[in-house]
Amino acid sequence: MTTRVTTPQTRCRAAFARADITPPAGIYHRMWGAALHERATGVHRPLAATALLMEAADGPARLLVLGIDHCLLDGAEADCIRAAAAAAAGIGVGRVHLALSHTHGSAWLSRSRADLPGGDLIGPYLDRVAAVCAELAADAARDLTPATIVYGLAKCDLARHRDYWDAATEQIVCGFNPAGPADDTVTLARAVSDSGVTLGTVVNYACHPTTLAWQNTLVSPDYVGAMREVVERETGAPCLFLQGASGDLGPREGYVGDPAVADRNGRRLGFAALSGLEALPPPGTVFAYTGPVVSGATLGTWAHRPQSPEEATSQASFGGAQDVVPLPYRHDLPTRPATEAELRKWRDAEATASAEENTERVREARAHAERMTRQLARLAALPAGPTYPYRVGVWSLGGAWWVFAAGELYQWFQVELRRRFPGRAVIVATICDDWQPGYVPPAAAYSHVIYQSEIAAVAAGSLETLLEAVAGMMNVIDGVHPSSMRG
């Protein structure tokens, strides 16, 4: 019979820091192929950068997590931001992870778009983001305080499966699928100082921030902004959002131009997160059976009791590693010459449609041209050779696993990790440190003609290979001395 219920916790020193990183008015904004605008016309909600610095309770080992409200960043850009933050925090760059919220309402931030309307603002803006992230890292390093991070779970059905069979056109489209499986798990963390003050919270959830689409001309964090507002209003502390494995997940109601819908989606997640946070026990405790009490019935009573010394020691472990997992490229990757020819074709089609004042045809041609532009960018960013060197970070912090993965993984990855490692919290943050190699679907998805598998750079079976590599890292780390860190 179970007489004790334990809650995963991490004993460490911790600090949060927050800054506004909203781009300037008029910056290049077009994220969607179907969009007809180029520049942002205003701001729905501010974009934010949030830093969480954790340091081992018994040593100098540190891990810095930077969450920023952007969709994609070029790998070199992410490396620059991480390097600046690492120097400010006094740690190696391998201990810094840059996690993008993946909001599709942010500006398109690539220096390669400097020649487009509003593109001249991108470079100076990115320089400012790197400086701000360094300042946040320095602020967090200065404010480190003894704390306990308590983990929990909640449920939210905002995210739904997004591979939908359109019977009329006989194709799979990227949109709400009422019948598809959808992971509704919200993984939560609350950092509480030894004096009982909430330092900050973490909300880890898998759902594409694609509420706002081509009709939207405003800079926006999408649903993440309203979610943070709900949580922070109640807790009085910064909330760090980490995007989960959402390659096949998106909001039930999305692809709209109304910011009110994004706010409504965000409040749904925010209230679900608050429900889970309210259920967390006091730090440093277990929930224990305390015996019967005779009343109208004989009642079984439970109470929060201090952890045992052994439990407290295990919660202070602080280990981890970074590794590179070689994932084979697909054999049918498009070539640069073929992509450039396709791009020319659609640009000519756009010019013709524009001359004919055919708005819908213009939109379609621009969308196809944008696909080819992005395909060229992906091809240019892929390292030469037969495999893609996929970077992943895995950290064991007390009773929790923190996994930081590049690209866009399908939900199966996080569901399977939680299944294999029960009893500990598992935080999976994707689109970390680089957005390449793009989508990483499970092998079965390659047998269908769908957007995610069509543009995937790595071959079928890559997600399964990655899962085994990460699980192997976790098993190895569990067998290593708790204070060791690599990377």
Protein backbone atom coordinates (compact mmCIF):
# COMPACT_ATOMS: atom_id res chain seq x y z
CA MET A 1 0.00 0.00 0.00
CA THR A 2 1.36 3.44 -0.94
CA THR A 3 1.89 5.66 2.10
CA ARG A 4 4.00 8.43 0.52
CA VAL A 5 3.53 10.47 -2.65
CA THR A 6 6.63 12.27 -3.85
CA THR A 7 6.74 15.25 -6.19
CA PRO A 8 9.75 15.84 -8.48
CA GLN A 9 11.88 18.74 -7.26
CA THR A 10 15.25 20.36 -7.95
CA ARG A 11 17.32 21.91 -5.19
CA CYS A 12 19.60 24.62 -6.60
CA ARG A 13 20.26 28.33 -6.77
CA ALA A 14 18.03 30.06 -9.29
CA ALA A 15 17.11 33.42 -10.76
CA PHE A 16 14.76 34.75 -13.44
CA ALA A 17 15.11 37.93 -15.50
CA ARG A 18 12.80 39.52 -18.09
CA ALA A 19 13.08 42.17 -20.82
CA ASP A 20 10.94 43.57 -23.63
CA ILE A 21 12.30 42.74 -27.11
CA THR A 22 9.48 44.10 -29.27
CA PRO A 23 10.81 45.02 -32.74
CA PRO A 24 10.53 48.60 -34.01
CA ALA A 25 7.51 49.76 -35.98
CA GLY A 26 7.70 49.01 -39.68
CA ILE A 27 10.12 46.08 -39.45
CA TYR A 28 9.85 43.35 -42.09
CA HIS A 29 7.10 41.07 -40.84
CA ARG A 30 5.85 38.67 -43.51
CA MET A 31 5.91 35.19 -41.95
CA TRP A 32 3.20 33.59 -44.08
CA GLY A 33 3.40 32.77 -47.75
CA ALA A 34 -0.21 33.89 -48.25
CA ALA A 35 0.39 37.32 -46.65
CA LEU A 36 0.15 40.36 -48.90
CA HIS A 37 1.82 42.83 -46.50
CA GLU A 38 5.55 43.24 -45.92
CA ARG A 39 5.96 45.49 -42.85
CA ALA A 40 4.42 45.21 -39.40
CA THR A 41 1.73 47.85 -38.94
CA GLY A 42 1.69 47.76 -35.13
CA VAL A 43 1.97 45.62 -32.01
CA HIS A 44 -0.63 43.27 -30.56
CA ARG A 45 1.37 42.45 -27.42
CA PRO A 46 5.05 42.98 -26.60
CA LEU A 47 7.57 40.27 -27.37
CA ALA A 48 9.57 39.13 -24.35
CA ALA A 49 12.90 37.56 -23.51
CA THR A 50 13.01 35.56 -20.28
CA ALA A 51 16.12 34.12 -18.64
CA LEU A 52 16.26 31.30 -16.12
CA LEU A 53 19.68 30.62 -14.61
CA MET A 54 20.15 27.55 -12.43
CA GLU A 55 23.28 26.76 -10.44
CA ALA A 56 24.15 23.55 -8.58
CA ALA A 57 23.40 23.76 -4.88
CA ASP A 58 26.85 22.40 -4.00
CA GLY A 59 29.07 23.80 -6.73
CA PRO A 60 29.60 26.29 -9.57
CA ALA A 61 27.92 24.30 -12.39
CA ARG A 62 25.30 26.42 -14.15
CA LEU A 63 22.64 26.08 -16.84
CA LEU A 64 21.09 29.11 -18.54
CA VAL A 65 17.79 28.91 -20.43
CA LEU A 66 16.79 31.89 -22.59
CA GLY A 67 13.23 31.93 -23.90
CA ILE A 68 12.46 34.50 -26.59
CA ASP A 69 9.29 35.28 -28.51
CA HIS A 70 10.39 34.56 -32.05
CA CYS A 71 9.51 32.02 -34.69
CA LEU A 72 12.85 31.18 -36.26
CA LEU A 73 16.44 32.39 -36.07
CA ASP A 74 19.32 31.49 -38.35
CA GLY A 75 21.74 29.14 -36.62
CA ALA A 76 24.57 31.66 -36.73
CA GLU A 77 22.30 34.28 -35.14
CA ALA A 78 21.36 31.92 -32.33
CA ASP A 79 25.02 31.11 -31.75
CA CYS A 80 25.85 34.81 -31.39
CA ILE A 81 23.09 35.34 -28.84
CA ARG A 82 24.15 32.28 -26.87
CA ALA A 83 27.79 33.34 -26.89
CA ALA A 84 26.95 36.82 -25.60
CA ALA A 85 24.77 35.39 -22.83
CA ALA A 86 27.35 32.76 -21.90
CA ALA A 87 30.06 35.37 -21.47
CA ALA A 88 27.77 37.48 -19.30
CA ALA A 89 26.82 34.51 -17.12
CA GLY A 90 30.38 33.27 -16.81
CA ILE A 91 29.71 29.85 -18.33
CA GLY A 92 30.53 27.91 -21.46
CA VAL A 93 28.23 28.37 -24.45
CA GLY A 94 27.31 24.67 -24.24
CA ARG A 95 25.45 25.45 -21.02
CA VAL A 96 23.23 28.05 -22.66
CA HIS A 97 20.07 27.06 -24.51
CA LEU A 98 18.10 29.55 -26.61
CA ALA A 99 14.48 28.40 -26.79
CA LEU A 100 12.13 30.07 -29.28
CA SER A 101 8.41 30.27 -28.51
CA HIS A 102 7.87 29.81 -32.27
CA THR A 103 5.22 32.53 -32.51
CA HIS A 104 4.32 33.07 -36.15
CA GLY A 105 3.27 36.62 -35.30
CA SER A 106 6.84 37.81 -34.76
CA ALA A 107 8.81 39.60 -37.41
CA TRP A 108 10.81 37.44 -39.85
CA LEU A 109 14.25 37.94 -38.39
CA SER A 110 16.90 37.00 -40.90
CA ARG A 111 19.64 39.34 -42.07
CA SER A 112 19.25 37.72 -45.48
CA ARG A 113 16.01 39.74 -45.84
CA ALA A 114 17.69 43.11 -45.39
CA ASP A 115 16.83 44.17 -48.96
CA LEU A 116 13.08 43.76 -48.44
CA PRO A 117 10.74 46.48 -47.11
CA GLY A 118 11.57 46.96 -43.44
CA GLY A 119 14.53 44.60 -43.73
CA ASP A 120 16.99 47.36 -42.99
CA LEU A 121 15.74 47.28 -39.38
CA ILE A 122 16.50 43.60 -38.87
CA GLY A 123 20.27 43.75 -38.34
CA PRO A 124 20.28 46.52 -35.70
CA TYR A 125 17.33 44.86 -33.98
CA LEU A 126 19.09 41.48 -33.75
CA ASP A 127 22.17 43.19 -32.37
CA ARG A 128 19.97 44.68 -29.66
CA VAL A 129 18.41 41.30 -28.85
CA ALA A 130 21.87 39.80 -28.32
CA ALA A 131 22.80 42.68 -26.02
CA VAL A 132 19.55 42.37 -24.07
CA CYS A 133 20.02 38.62 -23.61
CA ALA A 134 23.53 39.24 -22.28
CA GLU A 135 22.11 41.77 -19.83
CA LEU A 136 19.49 39.28 -18.68
CA ALA A 137 22.16 36.64 -18.13
CA ALA A 138 24.22 39.08 -16.05
CA ASP A 139 21.16 40.12 -14.05
CA ALA A 140 20.28 36.50 -13.33
CA ALA A 141 23.86 35.67 -12.30
CA ARG A 142 23.77 38.58 -9.85
CA ASP A 143 20.41 37.53 -8.39
CA LEU A 144 21.00 33.81 -7.85
CA THR A 145 19.37 32.65 -4.62
CA PRO A 146 18.91 29.28 -2.90
CA ALA A 147 15.66 27.79 -4.15
CA THR A 148 13.65 24.68 -4.82
CA ILE A 149 11.98 24.05 -8.17
CA VAL A 150 8.79 22.01 -7.78
CA TYR A 151 7.34 20.26 -10.84
CA GLY A 152 3.81 19.28 -11.75
CA LEU A 153 1.41 18.49 -14.58
CA ALA A 154 -1.83 19.91 -15.90
CA LYS A 155 -4.03 19.24 -18.90
CA CYS A 156 -5.09 21.62 -21.68
CA ASP A 157 -6.86 20.75 -24.93
CA LEU A 158 -5.83 23.92 -26.77
CA ALA A 159 -3.43 21.86 -28.91
CA ARG A 160 -5.02 19.58 -31.48
CA HIS A 161 -3.70 17.32 -34.20
CA ARG A 162 -3.11 19.29 -37.39
CA ASP A 163 -2.83 16.80 -40.25
CA TYR A 164 -6.32 16.85 -41.81
CA TRP A 165 -7.57 14.88 -44.81
CA ASP A 166 -9.43 17.19 -47.21
CA ALA A 167 -11.67 14.73 -49.05
CA ALA A 168 -12.84 17.30 -51.60
CA THR A 169 -9.33 17.99 -52.89
CA GLU A 170 -7.90 14.60 -51.89
CA GLN A 171 -4.94 15.94 -49.98
CA ILE A 172 -3.69 16.22 -46.39
CA VAL A 173 -3.70 19.85 -45.31
CA CYS A 174 -2.10 21.41 -42.25
CA GLY A 175 -5.13 22.19 -40.09
CA PHE A 176 -7.34 21.09 -37.22
CA ASN A 177 -8.04 17.35 -37.27
CA PRO A 178 -10.82 16.55 -34.76
CA ALA A 179 -10.03 12.84 -34.86
CA GLY A 180 -6.24 12.98 -34.54
CA PRO A 181 -4.28 12.27 -31.34
CA ALA A 182 -3.08 15.32 -29.41
CA ASP A 183 -0.85 15.42 -26.34
CA ASP A 184 -2.62 17.65 -23.82
CA THR A 185 0.10 17.57 -21.15
CA VAL A 186 1.28 20.84 -19.60
CA THR A 187 4.54 20.36 -17.69
CA LEU A 188 4.99 22.99 -15.01
CA ALA A 189 7.69 24.21 -12.65
CA ARG A 190 7.64 26.77 -9.86
CA ALA A 191 10.92 28.09 -8.41
CA VAL A 192 10.50 29.06 -4.75
CA SER A 193 13.22 30.75 -2.68
CA ASP A 194 14.09 29.48 0.80
CA SER A 195 12.14 32.45 2.17
CA GLY A 196 9.00 31.25 0.36
CA VAL A 197 8.97 33.78 -2.49
CA THR A 198 8.03 32.57 -5.97
CA LEU A 199 10.98 33.51 -8.19
CA GLY A 200 9.34 32.41 -11.41
CA THR A 201 7.46 29.66 -13.21
CA VAL A 202 7.96 27.49 -16.30
CA VAL A 203 5.17 26.42 -18.64
CA ASN A 204 6.18 23.70 -21.12
CA TYR A 205 3.47 22.96 -23.69
CA ALA A 206 3.39 21.71 -27.25
CA CYS A 207 1.21 23.78 -29.58
CA HIS A 208 2.19 25.77 -32.66
CA PRO A 209 1.56 29.49 -32.03
CA THR A 210 -0.35 29.82 -35.28
CA THR A 211 -3.54 31.46 -34.08
CA LEU A 212 -2.65 34.56 -36.08
CA ALA A 213 -1.85 34.00 -39.73
CA TRP A 214 -1.58 35.83 -43.05
CA GLN A 215 -4.38 38.32 -42.27
CA ASN A 216 -2.46 39.54 -39.21
CA THR A 217 -0.14 42.54 -39.70
CA LEU A 218 0.75 43.06 -36.03
CA VAL A 219 3.84 41.91 -34.14
CA SER A 220 2.50 39.36 -31.66
CA PRO A 221 3.61 36.60 -29.27
CA ASP A 222 0.37 34.81 -30.29
CA TYR A 223 -1.27 32.87 -27.46
CA VAL A 224 1.92 32.90 -25.38
CA GLY A 225 1.45 36.57 -24.44
CA ALA A 226 -1.98 36.18 -22.83
CA MET A 227 -0.89 32.93 -21.17
CA ARG A 228 2.00 34.72 -19.49
CA GLU A 229 -0.27 37.58 -18.43
CA VAL A 230 -2.67 35.18 -16.68
CA VAL A 231 0.08 33.27 -14.86
CA GLU A 232 2.17 36.30 -13.91
CA ARG A 233 -0.83 38.25 -12.62
CA GLU A 234 -1.51 35.45 -10.14
CA THR A 235 2.07 34.51 -9.19
CA GLY A 236 3.68 37.95 -9.30
CA ALA A 237 6.75 36.47 -10.98
CA PRO A 238 8.12 35.94 -14.52
CA CYS A 239 6.79 32.98 -16.52
CA LEU A 240 9.14 31.23 -18.94
CA PHE A 241 7.35 29.49 -21.83
CA LEU A 242 9.07 26.52 -23.48
CA GLN A 243 7.61 25.18 -26.73
CA GLY A 244 7.24 21.40 -26.68
CA ALA A 245 7.34 18.88 -29.51
CA SER A 246 4.56 20.41 -31.59
CA GLY A 247 5.40 19.40 -35.15
CA ASP A 248 1.93 17.90 -35.59
CA LEU A 249 0.05 20.06 -33.07
CA GLY A 250 -1.65 23.45 -33.41
CA PRO A 251 -4.54 25.37 -31.86
CA ARG A 252 -8.05 24.17 -32.59
CA GLU A 253 -8.96 27.69 -33.67
CA GLY A 254 -6.18 29.21 -35.72
CA TYR A 255 -5.11 30.83 -38.99
CA VAL A 256 -7.11 33.98 -38.21
CA GLY A 257 -6.39 37.70 -38.16
CA ASP A 258 -8.18 38.60 -34.93
CA PRO A 259 -5.82 39.09 -31.95
CA ALA A 260 -8.74 38.45 -29.58
CA VAL A 261 -8.69 34.78 -30.65
CA ALA A 262 -4.99 34.51 -29.77
CA ASP A 263 -5.70 36.04 -26.36
CA ARG A 264 -8.55 33.61 -25.78
CA ASN A 265 -6.29 30.68 -26.67
CA GLY A 266 -3.64 32.01 -24.32
CA ARG A 267 -6.02 32.38 -21.42
CA ARG A 268 -7.10 28.75 -21.85
CA LEU A 269 -3.51 27.61 -21.41
CA GLY A 270 -2.86 30.15 -18.66
CA PHE A 271 -5.78 28.99 -16.52
CA ALA A 272 -4.80 25.35 -17.04
CA ALA A 273 -1.25 26.19 -15.93
CA LEU A 274 -2.52 27.99 -12.86
CA SER A 275 -4.61 24.97 -11.93
CA GLY A 276 -1.50 22.79 -12.02
CA LEU A 277 0.63 25.33 -10.16
CA GLU A 278 -1.97 25.58 -7.39
CA ALA A 279 -1.77 21.81 -6.92
CA LEU A 280 1.99 21.82 -6.23
CA PRO A 281 3.04 20.90 -2.70
CA PRO A 282 5.31 23.03 -0.50
CA PRO A 283 9.00 22.73 -1.47
CA GLY A 284 11.01 20.09 0.32
CA THR A 285 8.02 17.96 1.29
CA VAL A 286 6.32 14.66 0.52
CA PHE A 287 2.62 13.90 0.93
CA ALA A 288 2.42 11.15 3.56
CA TYR A 289 -0.32 9.05 5.11
CA THR A 290 -0.62 9.99 8.79
CA GLY A 291 -3.16 7.44 9.99
CA PRO A 292 -6.83 7.02 10.87
CA VAL A 293 -9.01 9.49 12.74
CA VAL A 294 -12.30 8.28 14.18
CA SER A 295 -15.15 10.60 13.23
CA GLY A 296 -18.59 9.87 11.74
CA ALA A 297 -16.49 7.53 9.63
CA THR A 298 -12.94 6.39 10.26
CA LEU A 299 -11.00 8.84 8.15
CA GLY A 300 -7.63 8.31 6.56
CA THR A 301 -5.54 11.49 6.87
CA TRP A 302 -2.62 12.73 4.81
CA ALA A 303 -0.25 15.64 5.40
CA HIS A 304 2.82 17.30 3.88
CA ARG A 305 5.94 16.11 5.71
CA PRO A 306 9.64 17.00 5.23
CA GLN A 307 11.64 14.94 2.78
CA SER A 308 14.11 12.42 4.14
CA PRO A 309 17.80 13.45 4.02
CA GLU A 310 18.33 10.95 1.19
CA GLU A 311 15.48 12.45 -0.83
CA ALA A 312 16.77 15.96 -0.26
CA THR A 313 20.24 14.95 -1.43
CA SER A 314 18.89 13.37 -4.62
CA GLN A 315 16.97 16.56 -5.44
CA ALA A 316 20.24 18.51 -5.47
CA SER A 317 21.88 16.45 -8.24
CA PHE A 318 23.00 18.56 -11.20
CA GLY A 319 24.38 16.78 -14.25
CA GLY A 320 24.07 16.80 -18.01
CA ALA A 321 25.62 16.70 -21.42
CA GLN A 322 25.39 17.99 -24.96
CA ASP A 323 25.87 15.70 -27.92
CA VAL A 324 25.66 15.63 -31.70
CA VAL A 325 23.45 12.95 -33.23
CA PRO A 326 24.13 12.27 -36.95
CA LEU A 327 20.83 12.07 -38.81
CA PRO A 328 20.95 10.94 -42.46
CA TYR A 329 19.69 13.36 -45.09
CA ARG A 330 16.79 12.19 -47.22
CA HIS A 331 17.92 10.87 -50.59
CA ASP A 332 15.55 13.11 -52.54
CA LEU A 333 16.55 16.51 -51.18
CA PRO A 334 15.72 19.21 -53.75
CA THR A 335 18.64 20.81 -55.56
CA ARG A 336 19.47 24.49 -55.59
CA PRO A 337 19.17 24.88 -59.42
CA ALA A 338 15.74 23.23 -59.47
CA THR A 339 14.56 25.39 -56.57
CA GLU A 340 15.81 28.58 -58.24
CA ALA A 341 14.00 27.67 -61.46
CA GLU A 342 10.78 27.06 -59.53
CA LEU A 343 11.22 30.40 -57.76
CA ARG A 344 11.56 32.23 -61.09
CA LYS A 345 8.43 30.54 -62.39
CA TRP A 346 6.31 31.72 -59.45
CA ARG A 347 7.72 35.23 -59.47
CA ASP A 348 6.76 35.50 -63.12
CA ALA A 349 3.30 34.18 -62.24
CA GLU A 350 2.99 36.80 -59.50
CA ALA A 351 3.92 39.58 -61.92
CA THR A 352 1.33 38.37 -64.42
CA ALA A 353 -1.40 38.10 -61.76
CA SER A 354 -0.53 41.55 -60.43
CA ALA A 355 -0.86 43.07 -63.90
CA GLU A 356 -4.27 41.38 -64.21
CA GLU A 357 -5.22 42.65 -60.70
CA ASN A 358 -6.05 39.08 -59.68
CA THR A 359 -5.54 39.27 -55.90
CA GLU A 360 -6.11 35.60 -55.16
CA ARG A 361 -3.72 34.52 -57.89
CA VAL A 362 -1.15 37.02 -56.57
CA ARG A 363 -1.52 35.53 -53.11
CA GLU A 364 -1.06 31.99 -54.39
CA ALA A 365 1.97 32.87 -56.52
CA ARG A 366 3.59 34.80 -53.66
CA ALA A 367 3.01 31.83 -51.35
CA HIS A 368 4.69 29.41 -53.75
CA ALA A 369 7.57 31.83 -54.31
CA GLU A 370 8.01 32.17 -50.55
CA ARG A 371 8.16 28.40 -50.22
CA MET A 372 11.00 28.31 -52.73
CA THR A 373 12.80 31.19 -50.98
CA ARG A 374 12.65 29.33 -47.69
CA GLN A 375 13.74 26.12 -49.37
CA LEU A 376 16.83 27.89 -50.69
CA ALA A 377 17.57 29.18 -47.18
CA ARG A 378 17.26 25.65 -45.77
CA LEU A 379 19.52 24.17 -48.42
CA ALA A 380 22.15 26.85 -47.79
CA ALA A 381 22.09 26.17 -44.05
CA LEU A 382 22.51 22.40 -44.26
CA PRO A 383 26.11 21.23 -43.64
CA ALA A 384 27.72 19.19 -46.38
CA GLY A 385 27.98 15.44 -46.06
CA PRO A 386 25.62 12.46 -45.82
CA THR A 387 24.27 13.34 -42.36
CA TYR A 388 22.99 16.35 -40.46
CA PRO A 389 24.89 16.99 -37.17
CA TYR A 390 21.90 17.35 -34.85
CA ARG A 391 22.69 19.07 -31.53
CA VAL A 392 20.79 18.12 -28.40
CA GLY A 393 21.23 18.96 -24.72
CA VAL A 394 20.09 16.69 -21.90
CA TRP A 395 20.27 17.79 -18.26
CA SER A 396 19.41 15.89 -15.10
CA LEU A 397 18.42 18.37 -12.41
CA GLY A 398 17.26 16.64 -9.25
CA GLY A 399 13.91 15.05 -9.97
CA ALA A 400 13.61 16.41 -13.51
CA TRP A 401 14.96 15.92 -16.99
CA TRP A 402 15.41 19.00 -19.17
CA VAL A 403 15.82 18.20 -22.89
CA PHE A 404 16.69 20.92 -25.41
CA ALA A 405 16.27 19.92 -29.06
CA ALA A 406 16.68 21.77 -32.34
CA GLY A 407 14.09 21.85 -35.11
CA GLU A 408 10.44 20.85 -34.95
CA LEU A 409 9.82 17.40 -33.51
CA TYR A 410 6.52 15.55 -33.54
CA GLN A 411 4.65 14.97 -30.27
CA TRP A 412 5.60 11.27 -30.18
CA PHE A 413 9.09 12.26 -29.03
CA GLN A 414 7.96 13.84 -25.74
CA VAL A 415 5.18 11.31 -25.11
CA GLU A 416 7.62 8.42 -25.48
CA LEU A 417 10.27 10.04 -23.25
CA ARG A 418 7.72 10.51 -20.49
CA ARG A 419 6.64 6.89 -20.88
CA ARG A 420 10.20 5.61 -20.62
CA PHE A 421 11.18 7.79 -17.67
CA PRO A 422 8.25 7.75 -15.23
CA GLY A 423 8.55 9.22 -11.76
CA ARG A 424 10.54 12.23 -12.89
CA ALA A 425 9.40 15.42 -14.57
CA VAL A 426 10.36 15.58 -18.25
CA ILE A 427 10.62 19.00 -19.87
CA VAL A 428 11.11 18.90 -23.65
CA ALA A 429 11.89 22.23 -25.30
CA THR A 430 12.16 22.31 -29.09
CA ILE A 431 13.30 24.89 -31.66
CA CYS A 432 16.28 25.39 -29.35
CA ASP A 433 19.62 26.82 -30.50
CA ASP A 434 18.76 26.26 -34.19
CA TRP A 435 15.63 25.76 -36.31
CA GLN A 436 17.44 23.37 -38.64
CA PRO A 437 16.92 20.65 -39.74
CA GLY A 438 13.30 21.80 -39.71
CA TYR A 439 10.61 19.19 -39.18
CA VAL A 440 11.54 15.78 -37.80
CA PRO A 441 8.42 13.57 -38.20
CA PRO A 442 8.15 9.89 -37.27
CA ALA A 443 8.93 7.39 -40.02
CA ALA A 444 5.26 6.66 -40.73
CA ALA A 445 4.61 10.30 -41.68
CA TYR A 446 6.91 9.98 -44.71
CA SER A 447 4.47 7.61 -46.35
CA HIS A 448 1.94 10.45 -46.74
CA VAL A 449 2.14 13.60 -48.84
CA ILE A 450 2.06 16.20 -46.07
CA TYR A 451 3.79 19.54 -45.66
CA GLN A 452 5.99 18.54 -42.71
CA SER A 453 7.46 15.44 -44.31
CA GLU A 454 7.74 17.10 -47.74
CA ILE A 455 10.06 19.82 -46.42
CA ALA A 456 11.92 17.65 -43.89
CA ALA A 457 15.65 17.59 -44.59
CA VAL A 458 16.40 14.35 -42.74
CA ALA A 459 15.33 10.88 -43.74
CA ALA A 460 12.52 8.71 -42.40
CA GLY A 461 13.55 7.10 -39.12
CA SER A 462 15.44 10.17 -37.89
CA LEU A 463 13.01 10.91 -35.06
CA GLU A 464 13.26 7.35 -33.85
CA THR A 465 17.07 7.54 -34.02
CA LEU A 466 17.03 10.78 -32.06
CA LEU A 467 14.74 9.33 -29.40
CA GLU A 468 17.06 6.37 -28.85
CA ALA A 469 20.08 8.67 -28.67
CA VAL A 470 18.46 10.95 -26.09
CA ALA A 471 17.19 8.03 -24.02
CA GLY A 472 20.70 6.60 -24.11
CA MET A 473 22.14 9.90 -22.91
CA MET A 474 19.65 9.95 -20.05
CA ASN A 475 20.60 6.44 -18.99
CA VAL A 476 24.31 7.29 -19.10
CA ILE A 477 23.85 10.53 -17.16
CA ASP A 478 21.92 8.65 -14.47
CA GLY A 479 24.97 6.46 -13.98
CA VAL A 480 27.44 9.36 -13.77
CA HIS A 481 28.38 11.22 -10.60
CA PRO A 482 25.61 13.77 -9.95
CA SER A 483 27.89 16.83 -9.96
CA SER A 484 29.43 16.10 -13.36
CA MET A 485 28.55 18.18 -16.40
CA ARG A 486 29.80 18.04 -19.95
CA GLY A 487 29.30 20.50 -22.77
